[in-house]
C-alpha atoms as a PDB file:
ATOM      1  CA  MET A   1     173.664 122.451  26.313  1.00  0.00           C
ATOM      2  CA  ALA A   2     170.743 123.178  29.049  1.00  0.00           C
ATOM      3  CA  PHE A   3     167.594 121.603  29.015  1.00  0.00           C
ATOM      4  CA  ALA A   4     164.247 123.129  29.172  1.00  0.00           C
ATOM      5  CA  TRP A   5     160.779 121.518  29.531  1.00  0.00           C
ATOM      6  CA  ASN A   6     159.847 123.603  26.296  1.00  0.00           C
ATOM      7  CA  ASP A   7     156.855 121.886  24.527  1.00  0.00           C
ATOM      8  CA  ALA A   8     157.516 123.599  21.264  1.00  0.00           C
ATOM      9  CA  ASP A   9     161.030 121.659  21.054  1.00  0.00           C
ATOM     10  CA  ALA A  10     159.456 118.121  21.371  1.00  0.00           C
ATOM     11  CA  ASP A  11     158.138 115.444  19.195  1.00  0.00           C
ATOM     12  CA  VAL A  12     154.628 115.161  20.428  1.00  0.00           C
ATOM     13  CA  TYR A  13     152.157 112.159  20.061  1.00  0.00           C
ATOM     14  CA  GLN A  14     148.502 112.839  21.100  1.00  0.00           C
ATOM     15  CA  VAL A  15     145.684 111.063  20.510  1.00  0.00           C
ATOM     16  CA  GLY A  16     142.368 111.297  22.947  1.00  0.00           C
ATOM     17  CA  GLY A  17     143.496 111.978  26.128  1.00  0.00           C
ATOM     18  CA  THR A  18     146.740 110.479  26.120  1.00  0.00           C
ATOM     19  CA  GLU A  19     149.814 112.676  25.078  1.00  0.00           C
ATOM     20  CA  VAL A  20     153.646 112.162  24.923  1.00  0.00           C
ATOM     21  CA  LEU A  21     156.434 114.439  24.580  1.00  0.00           C
ATOM     22  CA  LEU A  22     159.579 113.291  23.886  1.00  0.00           C
ATOM     23  CA  TRP A  23     163.117 115.720  23.688  1.00  0.00           C
ATOM     24  CA  ARG A  24     166.445 114.590  22.359  1.00  0.00           C
ATOM     25  CA  PRO A  25     168.656 116.923  24.223  1.00  0.00           C
ATOM     26  CA  ALA A  26     172.181 114.846  23.278  1.00  0.00           C
ATOM     27  CA  GLU A  27     172.636 111.958  21.128  1.00  0.00           C
ATOM     28  CA  ARG A  28     171.663 108.771  22.990  1.00  0.00           C
ATOM     29  CA  PHE A  29     169.587 110.654  25.440  1.00  0.00           C
ATOM     30  CA  LEU A  30     165.901 110.927  25.517  1.00  0.00           C
ATOM     31  CA  ILE A  31     163.278 112.357  27.977  1.00  0.00           C
ATOM     32  CA  THR A  32     159.461 111.595  27.788  1.00  0.00           C
ATOM     33  CA  ARG A  33     156.627 112.849  29.418  1.00  0.00           C
ATOM     34  CA  LEU A  34     153.653 111.164  29.628  1.00  0.00           C
ATOM     35  CA  LYS A  35     150.120 112.621  30.521  1.00  0.00           C
ATOM     36  CA  GLY A  36     147.039 110.223  30.451  1.00  0.00           C
ATOM     37  CA  GLN A  37     146.718 106.458  29.521  1.00  0.00           C
ATOM     38  CA  ALA A  38     149.986 104.658  28.548  1.00  0.00           C
ATOM     39  CA  THR A  39     148.155 103.098  25.464  1.00  0.00           C
ATOM     40  CA  LEU A  40     150.116 100.950  22.638  1.00  0.00           C
ATOM     41  CA  GLY A  41     150.253 103.734  20.429  1.00  0.00           C
ATOM     42  CA  ALA A  42     152.028 105.933  22.953  1.00  0.00           C
ATOM     43  CA  LEU A  43     154.636 103.175  23.662  1.00  0.00           C
ATOM     44  CA  GLN A  44     155.389 102.513  19.983  1.00  0.00           C
ATOM     45  CA  PHE A  45     155.870 106.406  19.400  1.00  0.00           C
ATOM     46  CA  TYR A  46     158.594 105.889  22.298  1.00  0.00           C
ATOM     47  CA  MET A  47     159.917 103.051  21.136  1.00  0.00           C
ATOM     48  CA  GLY A  48     160.390 104.111  17.924  1.00  0.00           C
ATOM     49  CA  ARG A  49     162.502 106.680  18.349  1.00  0.00           C
ATOM     50  CA  ALA A  50     164.529 105.348  20.899  1.00  0.00           C
ATOM     51  CA  GLU A  51     165.024 102.508  18.386  1.00  0.00           C
ATOM     52  CA  ARG A  52     166.938 105.268  16.425  1.00  0.00           C
ATOM     53  CA  GLU A  53     168.719 106.665  18.835  1.00  0.00           C
ATOM     54  CA  MET A  54     169.925 103.197  19.668  1.00  0.00           C
ATOM     55  CA  SER A  55     171.532 102.526  16.389  1.00  0.00           C
ATOM     56  CA  LEU A  56     174.032 105.099  17.858  1.00  0.00           C
ATOM     57  CA  GLY A  57     174.756 103.394  20.813  1.00  0.00           C
ATOM     58  CA  ARG A  58     173.534 102.533  24.519  1.00  0.00           C
ATOM     59  CA  LEU A  59     170.873 104.533  25.614  1.00  0.00           C
ATOM     60  CA  THR A  60     169.925 106.687  28.801  1.00  0.00           C
ATOM     61  CA  VAL A  61     166.206 107.873  29.083  1.00  0.00           C
ATOM     62  CA  PHE A  62     164.256 109.791  31.894  1.00  0.00           C
ATOM     63  CA  HIS A  63     160.516 109.377  31.668  1.00  0.00           C
ATOM     64  CA  GLU A  64     158.537 111.946  33.574  1.00  0.00           C
ATOM     65  CA  TRP A  65     155.272 110.222  33.838  1.00  0.00           C
ATOM     66  CA  ALA A  66     154.056 111.366  37.107  1.00  0.00           C
ATOM     67  CA  GLU A  67     150.665 112.306  35.193  1.00  0.00           C
ATOM     68  CA  MET A  68     150.212 108.982  33.753  1.00  0.00           C
ATOM     69  CA  ALA A  69     146.623 107.463  34.656  1.00  0.00           C
ATOM     70  CA  GLY A  70     147.640 104.048  33.947  1.00  0.00           C
ATOM     71  CA  TYR A  71     148.552 101.169  31.273  1.00  0.00           C
ATOM     72  CA  ASP A  72     146.416  99.474  28.758  1.00  0.00           C
ATOM     73  CA  PRO A  73     147.272  96.088  29.358  1.00  0.00           C
ATOM     74  CA  ALA A  74     148.462  95.680  25.722  1.00  0.00           C
ATOM     75  CA  ALA A  75     150.858  98.202  26.120  1.00  0.00           C
ATOM     76  CA  ARG A  76     152.210  97.031  29.228  1.00  0.00           C
ATOM     77  CA  ASP A  77     152.905  93.809  27.773  1.00  0.00           C
ATOM     78  CA  GLU A  78     154.410  95.132  24.506  1.00  0.00           C
ATOM     79  CA  LEU A  79     156.575  97.329  26.629  1.00  0.00           C
ATOM     80  CA  LYS A  80     157.908  94.417  28.821  1.00  0.00           C
ATOM     81  CA  ARG A  81     158.588  92.498  25.462  1.00  0.00           C
ATOM     82  CA  TRP A  82     160.200  95.365  23.849  1.00  0.00           C
ATOM     83  CA  GLY A  83     162.228  95.932  26.995  1.00  0.00           C
ATOM     84  CA  LYS A  84     163.944  92.443  27.341  1.00  0.00           C
ATOM     85  CA  GLN A  85     164.294  92.373  23.766  1.00  0.00           C
ATOM     86  CA  HIS A  86     166.355  95.452  24.238  1.00  0.00           C
ATOM     87  CA  ASN A  87     167.712  94.788  27.504  1.00  0.00           C
ATOM     88  CA  ASP A  88     171.375  95.692  26.759  1.00  0.00           C
ATOM     89  CA  ALA A  89     170.909  98.706  24.906  1.00  0.00           C
ATOM     90  CA  PHE A  90     170.295 101.044  27.771  1.00  0.00           C
ATOM     91  CA  ASP A  91     173.063 102.943  30.058  1.00  0.00           C
ATOM     92  CA  HIS A  92     170.102 104.258  32.508  1.00  0.00           C
ATOM     93  CA  VAL A  93     166.652 104.406  32.725  1.00  0.00           C
ATOM     94  CA  GLU A  94     164.934 106.469  35.520  1.00  0.00           C
ATOM     95  CA  TYR A  95     161.006 107.210  36.083  1.00  0.00           C
ATOM     96  CA  LEU A  96     159.217 109.717  37.733  1.00  0.00           C
ATOM     97  CA  VAL A  97     156.108 108.165  38.672  1.00  0.00           C
ATOM     98  CA  ARG A  98     152.801 109.666  41.120  1.00  0.00           C
ATOM     99  CA  SER A  99     152.770 106.190  42.748  1.00  0.00           C
ATOM    100  CA  LYS A 100     155.004 104.607  45.300  1.00  0.00           C
ATOM    101  CA  VAL A 101     153.615 101.073  44.204  1.00  0.00           C
ATOM    102  CA  VAL A 102     154.451 101.622  40.613  1.00  0.00           C
ATOM    103  CA  ALA A 103     157.628 103.030  41.677  1.00  0.00           C
ATOM    104  CA  MET A 104     157.888  99.600  43.440  1.00  0.00           C
ATOM    105  CA  LEU A 105     156.724  97.655  40.439  1.00  0.00           C
ATOM    106  CA  ILE A 106     159.142  99.551  38.357  1.00  0.00           C
ATOM    107  CA  SER A 107     161.989  97.996  40.693  1.00  0.00           C
ATOM    108  CA  VAL A 108     161.027  94.493  40.913  1.00  0.00           C
ATOM    109  CA  ALA A 109     161.370  94.785  36.780  1.00  0.00           C
ATOM    110  CA  ALA A 110     164.806  96.077  37.057  1.00  0.00           C
ATOM    111  CA  LEU A 111     165.660  93.028  39.276  1.00  0.00           C
ATOM    112  CA  THR A 112     163.761  90.558  37.136  1.00  0.00           C
ATOM    113  CA  LEU A 113     165.422  92.123  33.735  1.00  0.00           C
ATOM    114  CA  GLY A 114     168.615  92.937  35.266  1.00  0.00           C
ATOM    115  CA  ARG A 115     168.348  96.275  34.310  1.00  0.00           C
ATOM    116  CA  ASP A 116     169.428  99.500  35.617  1.00  0.00           C
ATOM    117  CA  LEU A 117     165.894 101.073  35.844  1.00  0.00           C
ATOM    118  CA  HIS A 118     165.310 103.611  38.649  1.00  0.00           C
ATOM    119  CA  ALA A 119     162.165 105.104  39.893  1.00  0.00           C
ATOM    120  CA  THR A 120     160.852 107.659  42.290  1.00  0.00           C
ATOM    121  CA  THR A 121     157.801 109.918  43.230  1.00  0.00           C
ATOM    122  CA  ASP A 122     160.247 112.609  44.286  1.00  0.00           C
ATOM    123  CA  GLU A 123     160.167 115.187  41.140  1.00  0.00           C
ATOM    124  CA  VAL A 124     163.139 117.642  43.007  1.00  0.00           C
ATOM    125  CA  GLN A 125     165.334 113.982  43.149  1.00  0.00           C
ATOM    126  CA  PHE A 126     164.588 112.961  39.485  1.00  0.00           C
ATOM    127  CA  THR A 127     164.832 116.923  37.898  1.00  0.00           C
ATOM    128  CA  ALA A 128     168.223 116.964  39.933  1.00  0.00           C
ATOM    129  CA  ASP A 129     169.368 113.684  38.543  1.00  0.00           C
ATOM    130  CA  LEU A 130     168.333 114.361  35.010  1.00  0.00           C
ATOM    131  CA  PHE A 131     170.248 117.561  34.912  1.00  0.00           C
ATOM    132  CA  ARG A 132     173.343 115.951  37.078  1.00  0.00           C
ATOM    133  CA  THR A 133     173.206 113.154  33.949  1.00  0.00           C
ATOM    134  CA  LEU A 134     173.192 115.870  31.310  1.00  0.00           C
ATOM    135  CA  GLU A 135     175.909 117.772  32.696  1.00  0.00           C
ATOM    136  CA  ARG A 136     178.093 114.710  32.758  1.00  0.00           C
ATOM    137  CA  ARG A 137     177.148 114.279  29.324  1.00  0.00           C
ATOM    138  CA  GLU A 138     178.571 117.553  28.204  1.00  0.00           C
ATOM    139  CA  ALA A 139     181.673 117.297  30.107  1.00  0.00           C
END
């Protein structure tokens, strides 16, 4: 199954200037796109759906967050807490972000959590990794 960035196929969370689109192109595989501020509500929207998928097994996630304006402190703290709690529930997590500093912070978080987190500012590479990972799951 090929993936297309079709907004009509996504679950949507939209409050104020924050929008999260979430796709499930395969079992235990989620893709998110975050625009605006990463709020606690936006992250809870993602975390709830991720937990449902985790009930089926380990999860692969691609976060396209290049249009993220920033994190609310409560959202950042909750994502860290939740990530630690579910550390063993992920196979792989990729982030596309706008800032090299944010990419570096994600890499540091990966080291401290002992997790397979990857972050890039390269949209072409992120998209290639996404499609390659989906193709491997279909094979």
